[in-house]
Amino acid sequence: SFQRLYHDALMRYNADRRPLTHILPAEGSYRWLDDPWPWEYCAN
């Protein structure tokens, strides 16, 4: 159940922001370097 919840949360996070890793396929352009970075708290 946690695996499914994690997968769903990861997909929401990737769709809303950008992929956390370069391993998951992403639609459109390569967004790995787009701002903000995960550790930029206020921006996230």
ModelCIF file with pLDDT and N, C-alpha, C, O atoms, coordinates in Angstrom:
data_MODEL
#
_entry.id   MODEL 
#
_entity.id                         1 
_entity.type                       polymer 
_entity.pdbx_number_of_molecules   1 
#
_entity_poly.entity_id                      1 
_entity_poly.type                           'polypeptide(L)' 
_entity_poly.nstd_linkage                   no 
_entity_poly.nstd_monomer                   no 
_entity_poly.pdbx_seq_one_letter_code       SFQRLYHDALMRYNADRRPLTHILPAEGSYRWLDDPWPWEYCAN 
_entity_poly.pdbx_seq_one_letter_code_can   SFQRLYHDALMRYNADRRPLTHILPAEGSYRWLDDPWPWEYCAN 
_entity_poly.pdbx_strand_id                 A 
#
loop_
_entity_poly_seq.entity_id 
_entity_poly_seq.num 
_entity_poly_seq.mon_id 
_entity_poly_seq.hetero 
1 1  SER n 
1 2  PHE n 
1 3  GLN n 
1 4  ARG n 
1 5  LEU n 
1 6  TYR n 
1 7  HIS n 
1 8  ASP n 
1 9  ALA n 
1 10 LEU n 
1 11 MET n 
1 12 ARG n 
1 13 TYR n 
1 14 ASN n 
1 15 ALA n 
1 16 ASP n 
1 17 ARG n 
1 18 ARG n 
1 19 PRO n 
1 20 LEU n 
1 21 THR n 
1 22 HIS n 
1 23 ILE n 
1 24 LEU n 
1 25 PRO n 
1 26 ALA n 
1 27 GLU n 
1 28 GLY n 
1 29 SER n 
1 30 TYR n 
1 31 ARG n 
1 32 TRP n 
1 33 LEU n 
1 34 ASP n 
1 35 ASP n 
1 36 PRO n 
1 37 TRP n 
1 38 PRO n 
1 39 TRP n 
1 40 GLU n 
1 41 TYR n 
1 42 CYS n 
1 43 ALA n 
1 44 ASN n 
#
_struct_asym.id          A 
_struct_asym.entity_id   1 
#
loop_
_ma_qa_metric.id 
_ma_qa_metric.mode 
_ma_qa_metric.name 
_ma_qa_metric.software_group_id 
_ma_qa_metric.type 
1 global pLDDT . pLDDT 
2 local  pLDDT . pLDDT 
#
_ma_qa_metric_global.metric_id      1 
_ma_qa_metric_global.metric_value   74.20 
_ma_qa_metric_global.model_id       1 
_ma_qa_metric_global.ordinal_id     1 
#
loop_
_ma_qa_metric_local.label_asym_id 
_ma_qa_metric_local.label_comp_id 
_ma_qa_metric_local.label_seq_id 
_ma_qa_metric_local.metric_id 
_ma_qa_metric_local.metric_value 
_ma_qa_metric_local.model_id 
_ma_qa_metric_local.ordinal_id 
A SER 1  2 96.00 1 1  
A PHE 2  2 96.00 1 2  
A GLN 3  2 96.00 1 3  
A ARG 4  2 96.00 1 4  
A LEU 5  2 96.00 1 5  
A TYR 6  2 95.00 1 6  
A HIS 7  2 93.00 1 7  
A ASP 8  2 94.00 1 8  
A ALA 9  2 92.00 1 9  
A LEU 10 2 90.00 1 10 
A MET 11 2 88.00 1 11 
A ARG 12 2 88.00 1 12 
A TYR 13 2 86.00 1 13 
A ASN 14 2 81.00 1 14 
A ALA 15 2 79.00 1 15 
A ASP 16 2 75.00 1 16 
A ARG 17 2 70.00 1 17 
A ARG 18 2 68.00 1 18 
A PRO 19 2 69.00 1 19 
A LEU 20 2 71.00 1 20 
A THR 21 2 68.00 1 21 
A HIS 22 2 65.00 1 22 
A ILE 23 2 64.00 1 23 
A LEU 24 2 61.00 1 24 
A PRO 25 2 60.00 1 25 
A ALA 26 2 58.00 1 26 
A GLU 27 2 62.00 1 27 
A GLY 28 2 58.00 1 28 
A SER 29 2 58.00 1 29 
A TYR 30 2 59.00 1 30 
A ARG 31 2 59.00 1 31 
A TRP 32 2 57.00 1 32 
A LEU 33 2 62.00 1 33 
A ASP 34 2 64.00 1 34 
A ASP 35 2 66.00 1 35 
A PRO 36 2 69.00 1 36 
A TRP 37 2 69.00 1 37 
A PRO 38 2 66.00 1 38 
A TRP 39 2 72.00 1 39 
A GLU 40 2 74.00 1 40 
A TYR 41 2 67.00 1 41 
A CYS 42 2 74.00 1 42 
A ALA 43 2 70.00 1 43 
A ASN 44 2 64.00 1 44 
#
loop_
_atom_site.group_PDB 
_atom_site.id 
_atom_site.type_symbol 
_atom_site.label_atom_id 
_atom_site.label_alt_id 
_atom_site.label_comp_id 
_atom_site.label_asym_id 
_atom_site.label_entity_id 
_atom_site.label_seq_id 
_atom_site.pdbx_PDB_ins_code 
_atom_site.Cartn_x 
_atom_site.Cartn_y 
_atom_site.Cartn_z 
_atom_site.occupancy 
_atom_site.B_iso_or_equiv 
_atom_site.pdbx_formal_charge 
_atom_site.auth_seq_id 
_atom_site.auth_comp_id 
_atom_site.auth_asym_id 
_atom_site.auth_atom_id 
_atom_site.pdbx_PDB_model_num 
ATOM 1   N N  . SER A 1 1  ? 0.835  -1.198 0.000   1.00 96.00 ? 1  SER A N  1 
ATOM 2   C CA . SER A 1 1  ? 0.000  0.000  0.000   1.00 96.00 ? 1  SER A CA 1 
ATOM 3   C C  . SER A 1 1  ? 0.874  1.255  0.000   1.00 96.00 ? 1  SER A C  1 
ATOM 4   O O  . SER A 1 1  ? 0.610  2.200  -0.743  1.00 96.00 ? 1  SER A O  1 
ATOM 5   N N  . PHE A 1 2  ? 1.913  1.260  0.832   1.00 96.00 ? 2  PHE A N  1 
ATOM 6   C CA . PHE A 1 2  ? 2.841  2.394  0.860   1.00 96.00 ? 2  PHE A CA 1 
ATOM 7   C C  . PHE A 1 2  ? 3.575  2.532  -0.476  1.00 96.00 ? 2  PHE A C  1 
ATOM 8   O O  . PHE A 1 2  ? 3.858  3.649  -0.911  1.00 96.00 ? 2  PHE A O  1 
ATOM 9   N N  . GLN A 1 3  ? 3.886  1.411  -1.129  1.00 96.00 ? 3  GLN A N  1 
ATOM 10  C CA . GLN A 1 3  ? 4.523  1.486  -2.447  1.00 96.00 ? 3  GLN A CA 1 
ATOM 11  C C  . GLN A 1 3  ? 3.613  2.221  -3.436  1.00 96.00 ? 3  GLN A C  1 
ATOM 12  O O  . GLN A 1 3  ? 4.073  3.083  -4.185  1.00 96.00 ? 3  GLN A O  1 
ATOM 13  N N  . ARG A 1 4  ? 2.328  1.878  -3.434  1.00 96.00 ? 4  ARG A N  1 
ATOM 14  C CA . ARG A 1 4  ? 1.382  2.544  -4.334  1.00 96.00 ? 4  ARG A CA 1 
ATOM 15  C C  . ARG A 1 4  ? 1.246  4.020  -3.980  1.00 96.00 ? 4  ARG A C  1 
ATOM 16  O O  . ARG A 1 4  ? 1.240  4.874  -4.867  1.00 96.00 ? 4  ARG A O  1 
ATOM 17  N N  . LEU A 1 5  ? 1.137  4.324  -2.688  1.00 96.00 ? 5  LEU A N  1 
ATOM 18  C CA . LEU A 1 5  ? 1.035  5.723  -2.265  1.00 96.00 ? 5  LEU A CA 1 
ATOM 19  C C  . LEU A 1 5  ? 2.276  6.509  -2.667  1.00 96.00 ? 5  LEU A C  1 
ATOM 20  O O  . LEU A 1 5  ? 2.176  7.648  -3.121  1.00 96.00 ? 5  LEU A O  1 
ATOM 21  N N  . TYR A 1 6  ? 3.454  5.892  -2.496  1.00 95.00 ? 6  TYR A N  1 
ATOM 22  C CA . TYR A 1 6  ? 4.704  6.561  -2.867  1.00 95.00 ? 6  TYR A CA 1 
ATOM 23  C C  . TYR A 1 6  ? 4.740  6.816  -4.373  1.00 95.00 ? 6  TYR A C  1 
ATOM 24  O O  . TYR A 1 6  ? 5.096  7.911  -4.808  1.00 95.00 ? 6  TYR A O  1 
ATOM 25  N N  . HIS A 1 7  ? 4.378  5.824  -5.161  1.00 93.00 ? 7  HIS A N  1 
ATOM 26  C CA . HIS A 1 7  ? 4.374  5.985  -6.618  1.00 93.00 ? 7  HIS A CA 1 
ATOM 27  C C  . HIS A 1 7  ? 3.434  7.120  -7.028  1.00 93.00 ? 7  HIS A C  1 
ATOM 28  O O  . HIS A 1 7  ? 3.802  7.971  -7.837  1.00 93.00 ? 7  HIS A O  1 
ATOM 29  N N  . ASP A 1 8  ? 2.223  7.131  -6.470  1.00 94.00 ? 8  ASP A N  1 
ATOM 30  C CA . ASP A 1 8  ? 1.255  8.177  -6.802  1.00 94.00 ? 8  ASP A CA 1 
ATOM 31  C C  . ASP A 1 8  ? 1.767  9.560  -6.390  1.00 94.00 ? 8  ASP A C  1 
ATOM 32  O O  . ASP A 1 8  ? 1.639  10.521 -7.148  1.00 94.00 ? 8  ASP A O  1 
ATOM 33  N N  . ALA A 1 9  ? 2.345  9.660  -5.193  1.00 92.00 ? 9  ALA A N  1 
ATOM 34  C CA . ALA A 1 9  ? 2.880  10.937 -4.732  1.00 92.00 ? 9  ALA A CA 1 
ATOM 35  C C  . ALA A 1 9  ? 4.042  11.393 -5.600  1.00 92.00 ? 9  ALA A C  1 
ATOM 36  O O  . ALA A 1 9  ? 4.176  12.583 -5.887  1.00 92.00 ? 9  ALA A O  1 
ATOM 37  N N  . LEU A 1 10 ? 4.880  10.455 -6.018  1.00 90.00 ? 10 LEU A N  1 
ATOM 38  C CA . LEU A 1 10 ? 6.011  10.786 -6.890  1.00 90.00 ? 10 LEU A CA 1 
ATOM 39  C C  . LEU A 1 10 ? 5.521  11.295 -8.240  1.00 90.00 ? 10 LEU A C  1 
ATOM 40  O O  . LEU A 1 10 ? 6.070  12.256 -8.778  1.00 90.00 ? 10 LEU A O  1 
ATOM 41  N N  . MET A 1 11 ? 4.494  10.658 -8.789  1.00 88.00 ? 11 MET A N  1 
ATOM 42  C CA . MET A 1 11 ? 3.950  11.108 -10.079 1.00 88.00 ? 11 MET A CA 1 
ATOM 43  C C  . MET A 1 11 ? 3.339  12.502 -9.952  1.00 88.00 ? 11 MET A C  1 
ATOM 44  O O  . MET A 1 11 ? 3.504  13.332 -10.846 1.00 88.00 ? 11 MET A O  1 
ATOM 45  N N  . ARG A 1 12 ? 2.629  12.769 -8.842  1.00 88.00 ? 12 ARG A N  1 
ATOM 46  C CA . ARG A 1 12 ? 2.066  14.120 -8.615  1.00 88.00 ? 12 ARG A CA 1 
ATOM 47  C C  . ARG A 1 12 ? 3.183  15.145 -8.490  1.00 88.00 ? 12 ARG A C  1 
ATOM 48  O O  . ARG A 1 12 ? 3.112  16.229 -9.069  1.00 88.00 ? 12 ARG A O  1 
ATOM 49  N N  . TYR A 1 13 ? 4.217  14.791 -7.727  1.00 86.00 ? 13 TYR A N  1 
ATOM 50  C CA . TYR A 1 13 ? 5.336  15.715 -7.536  1.00 86.00 ? 13 TYR A CA 1 
ATOM 51  C C  . TYR A 1 13 ? 6.018  16.001 -8.872  1.00 86.00 ? 13 TYR A C  1 
ATOM 52  O O  . TYR A 1 13 ? 6.324  17.153 -9.181  1.00 86.00 ? 13 TYR A O  1 
ATOM 53  N N  . ASN A 1 14 ? 6.254  14.963 -9.659  1.00 81.00 ? 14 ASN A N  1 
ATOM 54  C CA . ASN A 1 14 ? 6.913  15.137 -10.952 1.00 81.00 ? 14 ASN A CA 1 
ATOM 55  C C  . ASN A 1 14 ? 6.069  15.975 -11.906 1.00 81.00 ? 14 ASN A C  1 
ATOM 56  O O  . ASN A 1 14 ? 6.608  16.789 -12.655 1.00 81.00 ? 14 ASN A O  1 
ATOM 57  N N  . ALA A 1 15 ? 4.760  15.785 -11.886 1.00 79.00 ? 15 ALA A N  1 
ATOM 58  C CA . ALA A 1 15 ? 3.882  16.537 -12.783 1.00 79.00 ? 15 ALA A CA 1 
ATOM 59  C C  . ALA A 1 15 ? 3.798  17.998 -12.367 1.00 79.00 ? 15 ALA A C  1 
ATOM 60  O O  . ALA A 1 15 ? 3.726  18.886 -13.216 1.00 79.00 ? 15 ALA A O  1 
ATOM 61  N N  . ASP A 1 16 ? 3.806  18.247 -11.068 1.00 75.00 ? 16 ASP A N  1 
ATOM 62  C CA . ASP A 1 16 ? 3.646  19.599 -10.552 1.00 75.00 ? 16 ASP A CA 1 
ATOM 63  C C  . ASP A 1 16 ? 4.945  20.402 -10.607 1.00 75.00 ? 16 ASP A C  1 
ATOM 64  O O  . ASP A 1 16 ? 4.915  21.618 -10.795 1.00 75.00 ? 16 ASP A O  1 
ATOM 65  N N  . ARG A 1 17 ? 6.057  19.745 -10.447 1.00 70.00 ? 17 ARG A N  1 
ATOM 66  C CA . ARG A 1 17 ? 7.344  20.433 -10.394 1.00 70.00 ? 17 ARG A CA 1 
ATOM 67  C C  . ARG A 1 17 ? 8.227  19.933 -11.523 1.00 70.00 ? 17 ARG A C  1 
ATOM 68  O O  . ARG A 1 17 ? 8.088  20.348 -12.673 1.00 70.00 ? 17 ARG A O  1 
ATOM 69  N N  . ARG A 1 18 ? 9.135  19.038 -11.177 1.00 68.00 ? 18 ARG A N  1 
ATOM 70  C CA . ARG A 1 18 ? 10.014 18.394 -12.159 1.00 68.00 ? 18 ARG A CA 1 
ATOM 71  C C  . ARG A 1 18 ? 10.449 17.070 -11.568 1.00 68.00 ? 18 ARG A C  1 
ATOM 72  O O  . ARG A 1 18 ? 10.325 16.875 -10.359 1.00 68.00 ? 18 ARG A O  1 
ATOM 73  N N  . PRO A 1 19 ? 10.953 16.155 -12.373 1.00 69.00 ? 19 PRO A N  1 
ATOM 74  C CA . PRO A 1 19 ? 11.361 14.862 -11.830 1.00 69.00 ? 19 PRO A CA 1 
ATOM 75  C C  . PRO A 1 19 ? 12.446 15.009 -10.762 1.00 69.00 ? 19 PRO A C  1 
ATOM 76  O O  . PRO A 1 19 ? 13.361 15.821 -10.899 1.00 69.00 ? 19 PRO A O  1 
ATOM 77  N N  . LEU A 1 20 ? 12.329 14.214 -9.699  1.00 71.00 ? 20 LEU A N  1 
ATOM 78  C CA . LEU A 1 20 ? 13.364 14.213 -8.663  1.00 71.00 ? 20 LEU A CA 1 
ATOM 79  C C  . LEU A 1 20 ? 14.619 13.498 -9.140  1.00 71.00 ? 20 LEU A C  1 
ATOM 80  O O  . LEU A 1 20 ? 15.719 13.792 -8.672  1.00 71.00 ? 20 LEU A O  1 
ATOM 81  N N  . THR A 1 21 ? 14.460 12.572 -10.058 1.00 68.00 ? 21 THR A N  1 
ATOM 82  C CA . THR A 1 21 ? 15.612 11.873 -10.610 1.00 68.00 ? 21 THR A CA 1 
ATOM 83  C C  . THR A 1 21 ? 15.511 11.890 -12.124 1.00 68.00 ? 21 THR A C  1 
ATOM 84  O O  . THR A 1 21 ? 14.444 12.147 -12.681 1.00 68.00 ? 21 THR A O  1 
ATOM 85  N N  . HIS A 1 22 ? 16.593 11.623 -12.768 1.00 65.00 ? 22 HIS A N  1 
ATOM 86  C CA . HIS A 1 22 ? 16.605 11.576 -14.227 1.00 65.00 ? 22 HIS A CA 1 
ATOM 87  C C  . HIS A 1 22 ? 16.169 10.209 -14.751 1.00 65.00 ? 22 HIS A C  1 
ATOM 88  O O  . HIS A 1 22 ? 16.104 10.002 -15.962 1.00 65.00 ? 22 HIS A O  1 
ATOM 89  N N  . ILE A 1 23 ? 15.872 9.280  -13.850 1.00 64.00 ? 23 ILE A N  1 
ATOM 90  C CA . ILE A 1 23 ? 15.533 7.916  -14.242 1.00 64.00 ? 23 ILE A CA 1 
ATOM 91  C C  . ILE A 1 23 ? 14.119 7.821  -14.801 1.00 64.00 ? 23 ILE A C  1 
ATOM 92  O O  . ILE A 1 23 ? 13.871 7.072  -15.746 1.00 64.00 ? 23 ILE A O  1 
ATOM 93  N N  . LEU A 1 24 ? 13.192 8.578  -14.221 1.00 61.00 ? 24 LEU A N  1 
ATOM 94  C CA . LEU A 1 24 ? 11.808 8.513  -14.681 1.00 61.00 ? 24 LEU A CA 1 
ATOM 95  C C  . LEU A 1 24 ? 11.648 9.260  -15.996 1.00 61.00 ? 24 LEU A C  1 
ATOM 96  O O  . LEU A 1 24 ? 12.198 10.349 -16.160 1.00 61.00 ? 24 LEU A O  1 
ATOM 97  N N  . PRO A 1 25 ? 10.903 8.690  -16.933 1.00 60.00 ? 25 PRO A N  1 
ATOM 98  C CA . PRO A 1 25 ? 10.689 9.401  -18.197 1.00 60.00 ? 25 PRO A CA 1 
ATOM 99  C C  . PRO A 1 25 ? 9.821  10.630 -17.978 1.00 60.00 ? 25 PRO A C  1 
ATOM 100 O O  . PRO A 1 25 ? 8.903  10.612 -17.158 1.00 60.00 ? 25 PRO A O  1 
ATOM 101 N N  . ALA A 1 26 ? 10.109 11.690 -18.707 1.00 58.00 ? 26 ALA A N  1 
ATOM 102 C CA . ALA A 1 26 ? 9.349  12.925 -18.586 1.00 58.00 ? 26 ALA A CA 1 
ATOM 103 C C  . ALA A 1 26 ? 8.900  13.360 -19.974 1.00 58.00 ? 26 ALA A C  1 
ATOM 104 O O  . ALA A 1 26 ? 9.617  13.181 -20.958 1.00 58.00 ? 26 ALA A O  1 
ATOM 105 N N  . GLU A 1 27 ? 7.715  13.929 -20.036 1.00 62.00 ? 27 GLU A N  1 
ATOM 106 C CA . GLU A 1 27 ? 7.202  14.453 -21.297 1.00 62.00 ? 27 GLU A CA 1 
ATOM 107 C C  . GLU A 1 27 ? 7.852  15.798 -21.590 1.00 62.00 ? 27 GLU A C  1 
ATOM 108 O O  . GLU A 1 27 ? 8.251  16.520 -20.676 1.00 62.00 ? 27 GLU A O  1 
ATOM 109 N N  . GLY A 1 28 ? 7.952  16.124 -22.864 1.00 58.00 ? 28 GLY A N  1 
ATOM 110 C CA . GLY A 1 28 ? 8.447  17.438 -23.252 1.00 58.00 ? 28 GLY A CA 1 
ATOM 111 C C  . GLY A 1 28 ? 9.955  17.553 -23.114 1.00 58.00 ? 28 GLY A C  1 
ATOM 112 O O  . GLY A 1 28 ? 10.696 16.590 -23.313 1.00 58.00 ? 28 GLY A O  1 
ATOM 113 N N  . SER A 1 29 ? 10.383 18.745 -22.772 1.00 58.00 ? 29 SER A N  1 
ATOM 114 C CA . SER A 1 29 ? 11.823 19.026 -22.712 1.00 58.00 ? 29 SER A CA 1 
ATOM 115 C C  . SER A 1 29 ? 12.465 18.426 -21.463 1.00 58.00 ? 29 SER A C  1 
ATOM 116 O O  . SER A 1 29 ? 11.790 17.988 -20.531 1.00 58.00 ? 29 SER A O  1 
ATOM 117 N N  . TYR A 1 30 ? 13.759 18.426 -21.487 1.00 59.00 ? 30 TYR A N  1 
ATOM 118 C CA . TYR A 1 30 ? 14.541 17.926 -20.358 1.00 59.00 ? 30 TYR A CA 1 
ATOM 119 C C  . TYR A 1 30 ? 14.478 18.948 -19.242 1.00 59.00 ? 30 TYR A C  1 
ATOM 120 O O  . TYR A 1 30 ? 15.028 20.041 -19.380 1.00 59.00 ? 30 TYR A O  1 
ATOM 121 N N  . ARG A 1 31 ? 13.811 18.616 -18.123 1.00 59.00 ? 31 ARG A N  1 
ATOM 122 C CA . ARG A 1 31 ? 13.536 19.581 -17.054 1.00 59.00 ? 31 ARG A CA 1 
ATOM 123 C C  . ARG A 1 31 ? 14.401 19.369 -15.815 1.00 59.00 ? 31 ARG A C  1 
ATOM 124 O O  . ARG A 1 31 ? 14.157 19.995 -14.783 1.00 59.00 ? 31 ARG A O  1 
ATOM 125 N N  . TRP A 1 32 ? 15.377 18.523 -15.895 1.00 57.00 ? 32 TRP A N  1 
ATOM 126 C CA . TRP A 1 32 ? 16.161 18.170 -14.710 1.00 57.00 ? 32 TRP A CA 1 
ATOM 127 C C  . TRP A 1 32 ? 16.774 19.384 -14.019 1.00 57.00 ? 32 TRP A C  1 
ATOM 128 O O  . TRP A 1 32 ? 16.853 19.418 -12.791 1.00 57.00 ? 32 TRP A O  1 
ATOM 129 N N  . LEU A 1 33 ? 17.207 20.373 -14.783 1.00 62.00 ? 33 LEU A N  1 
ATOM 130 C CA . LEU A 1 33 ? 17.905 21.523 -14.198 1.00 62.00 ? 33 LEU A CA 1 
ATOM 131 C C  . LEU A 1 33 ? 17.012 22.728 -13.939 1.00 62.00 ? 33 LEU A C  1 
ATOM 132 O O  . LEU A 1 33 ? 17.516 23.784 -13.554 1.00 62.00 ? 33 LEU A O  1 
ATOM 133 N N  . ASP A 1 34 ? 15.706 22.605 -14.138 1.00 64.00 ? 34 ASP A N  1 
ATOM 134 C CA . ASP A 1 34 ? 14.795 23.725 -13.919 1.00 64.00 ? 34 ASP A CA 1 
ATOM 135 C C  . ASP A 1 34 ? 14.755 24.097 -12.442 1.00 64.00 ? 34 ASP A C  1 
ATOM 136 O O  . ASP A 1 34 ? 14.795 23.231 -11.569 1.00 64.00 ? 34 ASP A O  1 
ATOM 137 N N  . ASP A 1 35 ? 14.676 25.387 -12.180 1.00 66.00 ? 35 ASP A N  1 
ATOM 138 C CA . ASP A 1 35 ? 14.524 25.862 -10.807 1.00 66.00 ? 35 ASP A CA 1 
ATOM 139 C C  . ASP A 1 35 ? 13.087 25.662 -10.357 1.00 66.00 ? 35 ASP A C  1 
ATOM 140 O O  . ASP A 1 35 ? 12.226 25.525 -11.227 1.00 66.00 ? 35 ASP A O  1 
ATOM 141 N N  . PRO A 1 36 ? 12.761 25.634 -9.093  1.00 69.00 ? 36 PRO A N  1 
ATOM 142 C CA . PRO A 1 36 ? 13.646 25.644 -7.936  1.00 69.00 ? 36 PRO A CA 1 
ATOM 143 C C  . PRO A 1 36 ? 14.150 24.239 -7.608  1.00 69.00 ? 36 PRO A C  1 
ATOM 144 O O  . PRO A 1 36 ? 13.535 23.241 -7.984  1.00 69.00 ? 36 PRO A O  1 
ATOM 145 N N  . TRP A 1 37 ? 15.272 24.179 -6.906  1.00 69.00 ? 37 TRP A N  1 
ATOM 146 C CA . TRP A 1 37 ? 15.834 22.914 -6.460  1.00 69.00 ? 37 TRP A CA 1 
ATOM 147 C C  . TRP A 1 37 ? 15.077 22.429 -5.227  1.00 69.00 ? 37 TRP A C  1 
ATOM 148 O O  . TRP A 1 37 ? 14.522 23.252 -4.499  1.00 69.00 ? 37 TRP A O  1 
ATOM 149 N N  . PRO A 1 38 ? 15.036 21.136 -4.968  1.00 66.00 ? 38 PRO A N  1 
ATOM 150 C CA . PRO A 1 38 ? 14.279 20.620 -3.816  1.00 66.00 ? 38 PRO A CA 1 
ATOM 151 C C  . PRO A 1 38 ? 14.690 21.230 -2.476  1.00 66.00 ? 38 PRO A C  1 
ATOM 152 O O  . PRO A 1 38 ? 13.849 21.351 -1.586  1.00 66.00 ? 38 PRO A O  1 
ATOM 153 N N  . TRP A 1 39 ? 15.941 21.613 -2.306  1.00 72.00 ? 39 TRP A N  1 
ATOM 154 C CA . TRP A 1 39 ? 16.393 22.145 -1.011  1.00 72.00 ? 39 TRP A CA 1 
ATOM 155 C C  . TRP A 1 39 ? 16.126 23.644 -0.872  1.00 72.00 ? 39 TRP A C  1 
ATOM 156 O O  . TRP A 1 39 ? 16.407 24.216 0.182   1.00 72.00 ? 39 TRP A O  1 
ATOM 157 N N  . GLU A 1 40 ? 15.598 24.284 -1.893  1.00 74.00 ? 40 GLU A N  1 
ATOM 158 C CA . GLU A 1 40 ? 15.228 25.697 -1.795  1.00 74.00 ? 40 GLU A CA 1 
ATOM 159 C C  . GLU A 1 40 ? 13.835 25.770 -1.183  1.00 74.00 ? 40 GLU A C  1 
ATOM 160 O O  . GLU A 1 40 ? 12.824 25.820 -1.884  1.00 74.00 ? 40 GLU A O  1 
ATOM 161 N N  . TYR A 1 41 ? 13.816 25.775 0.133   1.00 67.00 ? 41 TYR A N  1 
ATOM 162 C CA . TYR A 1 41 ? 12.581 25.590 0.886   1.00 67.00 ? 41 TYR A CA 1 
ATOM 163 C C  . TYR A 1 41 ? 11.487 26.580 0.495   1.00 67.00 ? 41 TYR A C  1 
ATOM 164 O O  . TYR A 1 41 ? 10.380 26.167 0.149   1.00 67.00 ? 41 TYR A O  1 
ATOM 165 N N  . CYS A 1 42 ? 11.776 27.862 0.544   1.00 74.00 ? 42 CYS A N  1 
ATOM 166 C CA . CYS A 1 42 ? 10.738 28.867 0.294   1.00 74.00 ? 42 CYS A CA 1 
ATOM 167 C C  . CYS A 1 42 ? 10.154 28.753 -1.107  1.00 74.00 ? 42 CYS A C  1 
ATOM 168 O O  . CYS A 1 42 ? 8.968  29.018 -1.303  1.00 74.00 ? 42 CYS A O  1 
ATOM 169 N N  . ALA A 1 43 ? 10.952 28.370 -2.065  1.00 70.00 ? 43 ALA A N  1 
ATOM 170 C CA . ALA A 1 43 ? 10.466 28.236 -3.443  1.00 70.00 ? 43 ALA A CA 1 
ATOM 171 C C  . ALA A 1 43 ? 9.622  26.983 -3.635  1.00 70.00 ? 43 ALA A C  1 
ATOM 172 O O  . ALA A 1 43 ? 8.884  26.878 -4.615  1.00 70.00 ? 43 ALA A O  1 
ATOM 173 N N  . ASN A 1 44 ? 9.721  26.045 -2.724  1.00 64.00 ? 44 ASN A N  1 
ATOM 174 C CA . ASN A 1 44 ? 9.019  24.773 -2.866  1.00 64.00 ? 44 ASN A CA 1 
ATOM 175 C C  . ASN A 1 44 ? 7.835  24.597 -1.932  1.00 64.00 ? 44 ASN A C  1 
ATOM 176 O O  . ASN A 1 44 ? 7.171  23.561 -1.967  1.00 64.00 ? 44 ASN A O  1 
#
